[in-house]
Structure formats: structure tokens, C-alpha cells
Amino acid sequence: MTTGSHRFGIGIPENWTEYDLHGDTLAERRAEMLRHAPRKETRDAVNQAFRSARRIMDGARRRGAVYAAGTTTMYEDGLLMAGLMIFSVSPPAGADFSARGLAREFSAAGGHRREGTSRTLTTQTLPGVGPVGRMAGIEETEIADGVSSRLVVTHTFVPVPGGERVLVITCFSPNIPLAEPLYDLFDAITSTFAFGDAEPKAQAEAQAEAEAVVEGGA
């Protein structure tokens, strides 16, 4: 994957799918799940989940998304839906490019906080990058014009080396009751992010942790 002249990589669990941003992969995955959903209530849940996913993808593409991946997996206890998108954006002129500075900048740029939104600002260290800013919490997010949903989210802000752009790694899920294991999962996946073509050892270790969270979180 590339942004400008810089290549980057990120590891996702084996049961996640990389999506093209026009939604063709989503349609294939939806058809596959419906073939294995004998009950009407299950089919309704699958259809609703994929309608929401398609709205999210359409909105993300308009906002500068350069990468998308996710999972829609049926477990005995219900449907787990989670996703990741990477956006390439330009901060305002003169923005503070420090870890906390970028997180504050984008937090302020979000404008009025919707009712039901609760986020925490922290600084994290990505093994392949260094210190980065992160916002995490529950967001009331507009996923399409006039359509909003409550999501578990993390936004991680990664400066592109030698440039004026920032990559925003956004992980999200509507499975609010699973918030705590989802934060662990999102942290594990985001920790695999690195610029360049090589996959450092830290990526493989974080990938294994992400898969363990997926297996135990639902």
C-alpha cells in the first residue's frame, strides 16, 4: 500500500478481509454469509450489517480513505462486525506534528461532539513508527448522510515521514458490549503498522495477539 511516495503495511487477523473501497468485496462476503444463514432473523442481521458497512465505505472513500479491511463473523453468541480504515489527510498549516498535538488537532477539527460520544486522548508507541497520538472511546458517528450509529472506535494519528500529511488509522465496531476486548484488538492490529516494505518482528508478534483477541473476544 502507498500514500504519496511512501509505502506502508499493516497486519490484520486471518479471518479479516481487505476490501476494495468500491464495495465489491463486501457484496461477495454478504452473499457467502447469507448462504449459511438458515434463519430469517440471522439473514436480517446480516443484511443490516452489510447495509451499514456499505454506507461507511462510501463515506470513507469521499473522505480520503486509502485502505480498508474488516470482518463480519457469525459466532454462537451473535454477529461480530469490526473494521479498519486508513485515511490520508492534510492537517491545517502550522499544525503541531507531535503525537499529542496531532490528536488534539484532529479532535478539535471534529467540531461539536455528538451526544453519546466519549473519547480519551492518549499517546501510544507503535513499534514500526514511534510515539503517536490516539483517541479512543464510544462515538456517535454519522456513517452516511442523516444516518448515525454508536461505535467503539480508536483513531491513531501517524505523521508521514518528511511530509505534511498524516495517516489516520481508524478502527471501529458497533459491538458496544465488547468494547474492552475490542480496544485490545484494535491496539494489537494498529501496532503492526510500519512504513516501508519490510515486516519487522514486532508486526508478527502483534498479529498473533490480534488473532488471540478475535478468538476470545466474541
C-alpha atoms as a PDB file:
ATOM      1  CA  MET A   1       0.000   0.000   0.000  1.00  0.00           C
ATOM      2  CA  THR A   2       1.187   3.521  -0.713  1.00  0.00           C
ATOM      3  CA  THR A   3       0.458   7.112   0.229  1.00  0.00           C
ATOM      4  CA  GLY A   4       2.278   9.579  -1.977  1.00  0.00           C
ATOM      5  CA  SER A   5       5.827   8.183  -2.351  1.00  0.00           C
ATOM      6  CA  HIS A   6       5.701   6.186   0.897  1.00  0.00           C
ATOM      7  CA  ARG A   7       4.791   2.517   1.169  1.00  0.00           C
ATOM      8  CA  PHE A   8       3.217   1.150   4.335  1.00  0.00           C
ATOM      9  CA  GLY A   9       1.882  -2.117   5.681  1.00  0.00           C
ATOM     10  CA  ILE A  10      -0.422  -3.292   8.448  1.00  0.00           C
ATOM     11  CA  GLY A  11      -1.253  -6.793   9.669  1.00  0.00           C
ATOM     12  CA  ILE A  12      -4.844  -7.952  10.010  1.00  0.00           C
ATOM     13  CA  PRO A  13      -6.165 -11.215  11.533  1.00  0.00           C
ATOM     14  CA  GLU A  14      -6.610 -14.173   9.197  1.00  0.00           C
ATOM     15  CA  ASN A  15     -10.406 -14.029   9.391  1.00  0.00           C
ATOM     16  CA  TRP A  16     -10.442 -10.371   8.302  1.00  0.00           C
ATOM     17  CA  THR A  17     -10.801  -9.317   4.657  1.00  0.00           C
ATOM     18  CA  GLU A  18      -9.101  -6.482   2.794  1.00  0.00           C
ATOM     19  CA  TYR A  19     -11.833  -4.508   1.000  1.00  0.00           C
ATOM     20  CA  ASP A  20     -11.725  -2.583  -2.203  1.00  0.00           C
ATOM     21  CA  LEU A  21     -13.199   0.819  -1.430  1.00  0.00           C
ATOM     22  CA  HIS A  22     -15.946   0.423  -4.038  1.00  0.00           C
ATOM     23  CA  GLY A  23     -17.632  -2.380  -2.082  1.00  0.00           C
ATOM     24  CA  ASP A  24     -17.342  -5.365  -4.444  1.00  0.00           C
ATOM     25  CA  THR A  25     -15.676  -7.481  -1.740  1.00  0.00           C
ATOM     26  CA  LEU A  26     -18.499  -6.619   0.664  1.00  0.00           C
ATOM     27  CA  ALA A  27     -21.089  -7.924  -1.794  1.00  0.00           C
ATOM     28  CA  GLU A  28     -19.222 -11.226  -2.157  1.00  0.00           C
ATOM     29  CA  ARG A  29     -18.890 -11.635   1.615  1.00  0.00           C
ATOM     30  CA  ARG A  30     -22.599 -10.833   2.163  1.00  0.00           C
ATOM     31  CA  ALA A  31     -23.667 -13.458  -0.384  1.00  0.00           C
ATOM     32  CA  GLU A  32     -21.420 -16.044   1.278  1.00  0.00           C
ATOM     33  CA  MET A  33     -22.862 -15.377   4.742  1.00  0.00           C
ATOM     34  CA  LEU A  34     -26.468 -15.478   3.517  1.00  0.00           C
ATOM     35  CA  ARG A  35     -25.846 -18.930   2.038  1.00  0.00           C
ATOM     36  CA  HIS A  36     -25.024 -20.149   5.570  1.00  0.00           C
ATOM     37  CA  ALA A  37     -27.840 -18.314   7.386  1.00  0.00           C
ATOM     38  CA  PRO A  38     -30.949 -20.538   7.510  1.00  0.00           C
ATOM     39  CA  ARG A  39     -32.959 -18.383   9.971  1.00  0.00           C
ATOM     40  CA  LYS A  40     -34.756 -15.210   8.887  1.00  0.00           C
ATOM     41  CA  GLU A  41     -33.558 -13.203  11.908  1.00  0.00           C
ATOM     42  CA  THR A  42     -29.970 -14.151  11.074  1.00  0.00           C
ATOM     43  CA  ARG A  43     -30.395 -13.110   7.441  1.00  0.00           C
ATOM     44  CA  ASP A  44     -31.944  -9.806   8.567  1.00  0.00           C
ATOM     45  CA  ALA A  45     -28.971  -9.157  10.869  1.00  0.00           C
ATOM     46  CA  VAL A  46     -26.515  -9.911   8.064  1.00  0.00           C
ATOM     47  CA  ASN A  47     -28.330  -7.629   5.617  1.00  0.00           C
ATOM     48  CA  GLN A  48     -28.464  -4.780   8.147  1.00  0.00           C
ATOM     49  CA  ALA A  49     -24.770  -5.164   8.968  1.00  0.00           C
ATOM     50  CA  PHE A  50     -23.758  -5.017   5.322  1.00  0.00           C
ATOM     51  CA  ARG A  51     -26.006  -2.029   4.576  1.00  0.00           C
ATOM     52  CA  SER A  52     -24.201  -0.171   7.367  1.00  0.00           C
ATOM     53  CA  ALA A  53     -20.813  -1.331   6.084  1.00  0.00           C
ATOM     54  CA  ARG A  54     -21.580  -0.109   2.569  1.00  0.00           C
ATOM     55  CA  ARG A  55     -22.594   3.330   3.890  1.00  0.00           C
ATOM     56  CA  ILE A  56     -19.361   3.502   5.901  1.00  0.00           C
ATOM     57  CA  MET A  57     -17.267   2.557   2.846  1.00  0.00           C
ATOM     58  CA  ASP A  58     -18.961   5.130   0.607  1.00  0.00           C
ATOM     59  CA  GLY A  59     -18.434   7.887   3.178  1.00  0.00           C
ATOM     60  CA  ALA A  60     -14.825   6.865   3.841  1.00  0.00           C
ATOM     61  CA  ARG A  61     -13.916   6.961   0.158  1.00  0.00           C
ATOM     62  CA  ARG A  62     -15.175  10.536  -0.078  1.00  0.00           C
ATOM     63  CA  ARG A  63     -13.103  11.485   3.000  1.00  0.00           C
ATOM     64  CA  GLY A  64      -9.755  10.249   1.654  1.00  0.00           C
ATOM     65  CA  ALA A  65      -9.585   6.586   2.689  1.00  0.00           C
ATOM     66  CA  VAL A  66      -6.640   4.720   1.139  1.00  0.00           C
ATOM     67  CA  TYR A  67      -7.133   1.300   2.780  1.00  0.00           C
ATOM     68  CA  ALA A  68      -9.990  -0.680   4.308  1.00  0.00           C
ATOM     69  CA  ALA A  69     -10.344  -4.081   5.962  1.00  0.00           C
ATOM     70  CA  GLY A  70     -12.771  -5.771   8.312  1.00  0.00           C
ATOM     71  CA  THR A  71     -14.683  -8.793   9.464  1.00  0.00           C
ATOM     72  CA  THR A  72     -18.311  -9.789   9.698  1.00  0.00           C
ATOM     73  CA  THR A  73     -18.292 -13.106  11.551  1.00  0.00           C
ATOM     74  CA  MET A  74     -21.205 -15.086  12.948  1.00  0.00           C
ATOM     75  CA  TYR A  75     -20.482 -16.680  16.339  1.00  0.00           C
ATOM     76  CA  GLU A  76     -22.847 -18.703  18.535  1.00  0.00           C
ATOM     77  CA  ASP A  77     -23.490 -15.589  20.638  1.00  0.00           C
ATOM     78  CA  GLY A  78     -24.225 -13.330  17.671  1.00  0.00           C
ATOM     79  CA  LEU A  79     -22.693 -11.282  14.881  1.00  0.00           C
ATOM     80  CA  LEU A  80     -19.307  -9.577  15.312  1.00  0.00           C
ATOM     81  CA  MET A  81     -18.647  -6.713  12.923  1.00  0.00           C
ATOM     82  CA  ALA A  82     -15.434  -4.705  13.045  1.00  0.00           C
ATOM     83  CA  GLY A  83     -13.403  -2.703  10.572  1.00  0.00           C
ATOM     84  CA  LEU A  84     -10.296  -0.661   9.956  1.00  0.00           C
ATOM     85  CA  MET A  85      -9.727   2.228   7.584  1.00  0.00           C
ATOM     86  CA  ILE A  86      -6.651   4.339   6.889  1.00  0.00           C
ATOM     87  CA  PHE A  87      -7.171   7.931   5.765  1.00  0.00           C
ATOM     88  CA  SER A  88      -4.549  10.223   4.223  1.00  0.00           C
ATOM     89  CA  VAL A  89      -5.235  13.799   5.335  1.00  0.00           C
ATOM     90  CA  SER A  90      -3.552  17.215   5.465  1.00  0.00           C
ATOM     91  CA  PRO A  91      -3.518  18.969   8.882  1.00  0.00           C
ATOM     92  CA  PRO A  92      -4.038  22.748   8.934  1.00  0.00           C
ATOM     93  CA  ALA A  93      -0.999  24.909   8.177  1.00  0.00           C
ATOM     94  CA  GLY A  94       1.257  25.252  11.199  1.00  0.00           C
ATOM     95  CA  ALA A  95      -0.200  22.208  12.975  1.00  0.00           C
ATOM     96  CA  ASP A  96       1.753  20.647  15.842  1.00  0.00           C
ATOM     97  CA  PHE A  97       3.085  17.328  14.457  1.00  0.00           C
ATOM     98  CA  SER A  98       3.884  15.861  17.880  1.00  0.00           C
ATOM     99  CA  ALA A  99       1.922  12.782  18.972  1.00  0.00           C
ATOM    100  CA  ARG A 100      -0.446  14.607  21.338  1.00  0.00           C
ATOM    101  CA  GLY A 101      -0.503  17.709  19.161  1.00  0.00           C
ATOM    102  CA  LEU A 102      -1.900  15.841  16.169  1.00  0.00           C
ATOM    103  CA  ALA A 103      -4.509  14.066  18.284  1.00  0.00           C
ATOM    104  CA  ARG A 104      -5.633  17.407  19.767  1.00  0.00           C
ATOM    105  CA  GLU A 105      -5.677  18.990  16.307  1.00  0.00           C
ATOM    106  CA  PHE A 106      -7.968  16.336  14.852  1.00  0.00           C
ATOM    107  CA  SER A 107     -10.110  16.207  17.979  1.00  0.00           C
ATOM    108  CA  ALA A 108     -10.745  19.933  17.670  1.00  0.00           C
ATOM    109  CA  ALA A 109     -11.333  19.628  13.920  1.00  0.00           C
ATOM    110  CA  GLY A 110     -14.184  17.207  14.639  1.00  0.00           C
ATOM    111  CA  GLY A 111     -16.322  20.144  15.702  1.00  0.00           C
ATOM    112  CA  HIS A 112     -19.286  19.735  18.047  1.00  0.00           C
ATOM    113  CA  ARG A 113     -19.196  16.453  19.934  1.00  0.00           C
ATOM    114  CA  ARG A 114     -22.365  14.458  19.432  1.00  0.00           C
ATOM    115  CA  GLU A 115     -24.387  13.370  22.436  1.00  0.00           C
ATOM    116  CA  GLY A 116     -23.295   9.868  23.458  1.00  0.00           C
ATOM    117  CA  THR A 117     -19.679  10.424  22.383  1.00  0.00           C
ATOM    118  CA  SER A 118     -16.964   9.811  24.986  1.00  0.00           C
ATOM    119  CA  ARG A 119     -13.307   9.715  23.923  1.00  0.00           C
ATOM    120  CA  THR A 120      -9.946   9.651  25.694  1.00  0.00           C
ATOM    121  CA  LEU A 121      -6.747  11.192  24.311  1.00  0.00           C
ATOM    122  CA  THR A 122      -3.504   9.239  24.902  1.00  0.00           C
ATOM    123  CA  THR A 123      -0.013   8.801  23.480  1.00  0.00           C
ATOM    124  CA  GLN A 124       0.988   5.331  22.255  1.00  0.00           C
ATOM    125  CA  THR A 125       4.146   3.872  20.731  1.00  0.00           C
ATOM    126  CA  LEU A 126       3.944   1.856  17.507  1.00  0.00           C
ATOM    127  CA  PRO A 127       6.949  -0.500  17.164  1.00  0.00           C
ATOM    128  CA  GLY A 128       7.460   0.419  13.492  1.00  0.00           C
ATOM    129  CA  VAL A 129       6.870   4.169  13.887  1.00  0.00           C
ATOM    130  CA  GLY A 130       7.432   5.551  17.394  1.00  0.00           C
ATOM    131  CA  PRO A 131       5.203   7.817  19.522  1.00  0.00           C
ATOM    132  CA  VAL A 132       1.773   8.595  18.057  1.00  0.00           C
ATOM    133  CA  GLY A 133      -1.403  10.207  19.319  1.00  0.00           C
ATOM    134  CA  ARG A 134      -4.596   8.219  19.817  1.00  0.00           C
ATOM    135  CA  MET A 135      -8.231   8.919  20.631  1.00  0.00           C
ATOM    136  CA  ALA A 136     -10.359   6.021  21.824  1.00  0.00           C
ATOM    137  CA  GLY A 137     -13.895   5.665  23.110  1.00  0.00           C
ATOM    138  CA  ILE A 138     -17.538   5.403  22.114  1.00  0.00           C
ATOM    139  CA  GLU A 139     -18.607   7.682  19.265  1.00  0.00           C
ATOM    140  CA  GLU A 140     -21.970   8.639  17.872  1.00  0.00           C
ATOM    141  CA  THR A 141     -20.793   8.704  14.263  1.00  0.00           C
ATOM    142  CA  GLU A 142     -22.549   9.774  11.075  1.00  0.00           C
ATOM    143  CA  ILE A 143     -21.965   6.820   8.762  1.00  0.00           C
ATOM    144  CA  ALA A 144     -23.998   8.319   5.900  1.00  0.00           C
ATOM    145  CA  ASP A 145     -25.959  11.494   5.278  1.00  0.00           C
ATOM    146  CA  GLY A 146     -28.524  11.641   8.079  1.00  0.00           C
ATOM    147  CA  VAL A 147     -27.670   8.135   9.358  1.00  0.00           C
ATOM    148  CA  SER A 148     -25.669   7.756  12.584  1.00  0.00           C
ATOM    149  CA  SER A 149     -24.568   4.841  14.745  1.00  0.00           C
ATOM    150  CA  ARG A 150     -22.791   4.313  18.094  1.00  0.00           C
ATOM    151  CA  LEU A 151     -19.407   2.675  17.574  1.00  0.00           C
ATOM    152  CA  VAL A 152     -16.414   1.547  19.595  1.00  0.00           C
ATOM    153  CA  VAL A 153     -13.538   3.458  17.945  1.00  0.00           C
ATOM    154  CA  THR A 154      -9.831   4.170  18.064  1.00  0.00           C
ATOM    155  CA  HIS A 155      -8.197   6.851  15.912  1.00  0.00           C
ATOM    156  CA  THR A 156      -4.381   6.703  15.700  1.00  0.00           C
ATOM    157  CA  PHE A 157      -2.530   9.636  14.081  1.00  0.00           C
ATOM    158  CA  VAL A 158       0.697   8.770  12.215  1.00  0.00           C
ATOM    159  CA  PRO A 159       2.799  11.532  10.582  1.00  0.00           C
ATOM    160  CA  VAL A 160       4.066  10.608   7.111  1.00  0.00           C
ATOM    161  CA  PRO A 161       7.894  10.926   7.170  1.00  0.00           C
ATOM    162  CA  GLY A 162       9.269  14.074   5.588  1.00  0.00           C
ATOM    163  CA  GLY A 163       5.889  15.391   4.566  1.00  0.00           C
ATOM    164  CA  GLU A 164       2.934  17.496   5.515  1.00  0.00           C
ATOM    165  CA  ARG A 165       0.419  14.650   5.600  1.00  0.00           C
ATOM    166  CA  VAL A 166      -0.904  12.388   8.341  1.00  0.00           C
ATOM    167  CA  LEU A 167      -2.340   8.884   8.181  1.00  0.00           C
ATOM    168  CA  VAL A 168      -5.322   8.351  10.470  1.00  0.00           C
ATOM    169  CA  ILE A 169      -5.806   4.664  11.342  1.00  0.00           C
ATOM    170  CA  THR A 170      -9.434   4.275  12.403  1.00  0.00           C
ATOM    171  CA  CYS A 171     -10.709   1.018  13.910  1.00  0.00           C
ATOM    172  CA  PHE A 172     -14.395   0.632  14.705  1.00  0.00           C
ATOM    173  CA  SER A 173     -17.175  -1.764  15.692  1.00  0.00           C
ATOM    174  CA  PRO A 174     -20.876  -1.460  16.568  1.00  0.00           C
ATOM    175  CA  ASN A 175     -20.463  -4.253  19.173  1.00  0.00           C
ATOM    176  CA  ILE A 176     -20.514  -1.891  22.180  1.00  0.00           C
ATOM    177  CA  PRO A 177     -20.737  -4.696  24.842  1.00  0.00           C
ATOM    178  CA  LEU A 178     -17.354  -5.982  23.591  1.00  0.00           C
ATOM    179  CA  ALA A 179     -15.658  -2.585  23.973  1.00  0.00           C
ATOM    180  CA  GLU A 180     -12.784  -3.697  26.227  1.00  0.00           C
ATOM    181  CA  PRO A 181     -11.617  -6.719  24.176  1.00  0.00           C
ATOM    182  CA  LEU A 182     -12.117  -4.638  21.027  1.00  0.00           C
ATOM    183  CA  TYR A 183      -9.755  -1.944  22.345  1.00  0.00           C
ATOM    184  CA  ASP A 184      -7.160  -4.687  22.872  1.00  0.00           C
ATOM    185  CA  LEU A 185      -7.775  -5.998  19.366  1.00  0.00           C
ATOM    186  CA  PHE A 186      -7.552  -2.550  17.769  1.00  0.00           C
ATOM    187  CA  ASP A 187      -4.335  -1.793  19.640  1.00  0.00           C
ATOM    188  CA  ALA A 188      -2.798  -5.087  18.527  1.00  0.00           C
ATOM    189  CA  ILE A 189      -3.679  -4.525  14.883  1.00  0.00           C
ATOM    190  CA  THR A 190      -2.587  -0.870  14.837  1.00  0.00           C
ATOM    191  CA  SER A 191       0.719  -1.845  16.472  1.00  0.00           C
ATOM    192  CA  THR A 192       1.612  -3.794  13.311  1.00  0.00           C
ATOM    193  CA  PHE A 193       1.638  -0.605  11.196  1.00  0.00           C
ATOM    194  CA  ALA A 194       5.004   0.331   9.659  1.00  0.00           C
ATOM    195  CA  PHE A 195       6.341   2.314   6.721  1.00  0.00           C
ATOM    196  CA  GLY A 196       8.386   0.531   4.052  1.00  0.00           C
ATOM    197  CA  ASP A 197       8.288  -2.980   2.610  1.00  0.00           C
ATOM    198  CA  ALA A 198       9.889  -4.968   5.433  1.00  0.00           C
ATOM    199  CA  GLU A 199       7.755  -6.693   8.065  1.00  0.00           C
ATOM    200  CA  PRO A 200       9.565  -6.286  11.406  1.00  0.00           C
ATOM    201  CA  LYS A 201       9.360  -8.957  14.093  1.00  0.00           C
ATOM    202  CA  ALA A 202       7.074  -6.706  16.133  1.00  0.00           C
ATOM    203  CA  GLN A 203       4.462  -6.969  13.392  1.00  0.00           C
ATOM    204  CA  ALA A 204       4.323 -10.760  13.576  1.00  0.00           C
ATOM    205  CA  GLU A 205       4.055 -10.680  17.376  1.00  0.00           C
ATOM    206  CA  ALA A 206       1.235  -8.123  17.357  1.00  0.00           C
ATOM    207  CA  GLN A 207      -0.528 -10.080  14.611  1.00  0.00           C
ATOM    208  CA  ALA A 208      -0.590 -13.183  16.825  1.00  0.00           C
ATOM    209  CA  GLU A 209      -2.011 -11.110  19.690  1.00  0.00           C
ATOM    210  CA  ALA A 210      -4.733  -9.712  17.414  1.00  0.00           C
ATOM    211  CA  GLU A 211      -5.808 -13.190  16.365  1.00  0.00           C
ATOM    212  CA  ALA A 212      -5.951 -14.320  20.007  1.00  0.00           C
ATOM    213  CA  VAL A 213      -8.209 -11.370  20.876  1.00  0.00           C
ATOM    214  CA  VAL A 214     -10.533 -12.209  17.980  1.00  0.00           C
ATOM    215  CA  GLU A 215     -10.843 -15.816  19.124  1.00  0.00           C
ATOM    216  CA  GLY A 216     -11.519 -14.901  22.745  1.00  0.00           C
ATOM    217  CA  GLY A 217     -13.472 -11.652  22.404  1.00  0.00           C
ATOM    218  CA  ALA A 218     -16.723 -12.933  20.988  1.00  0.00           C
END
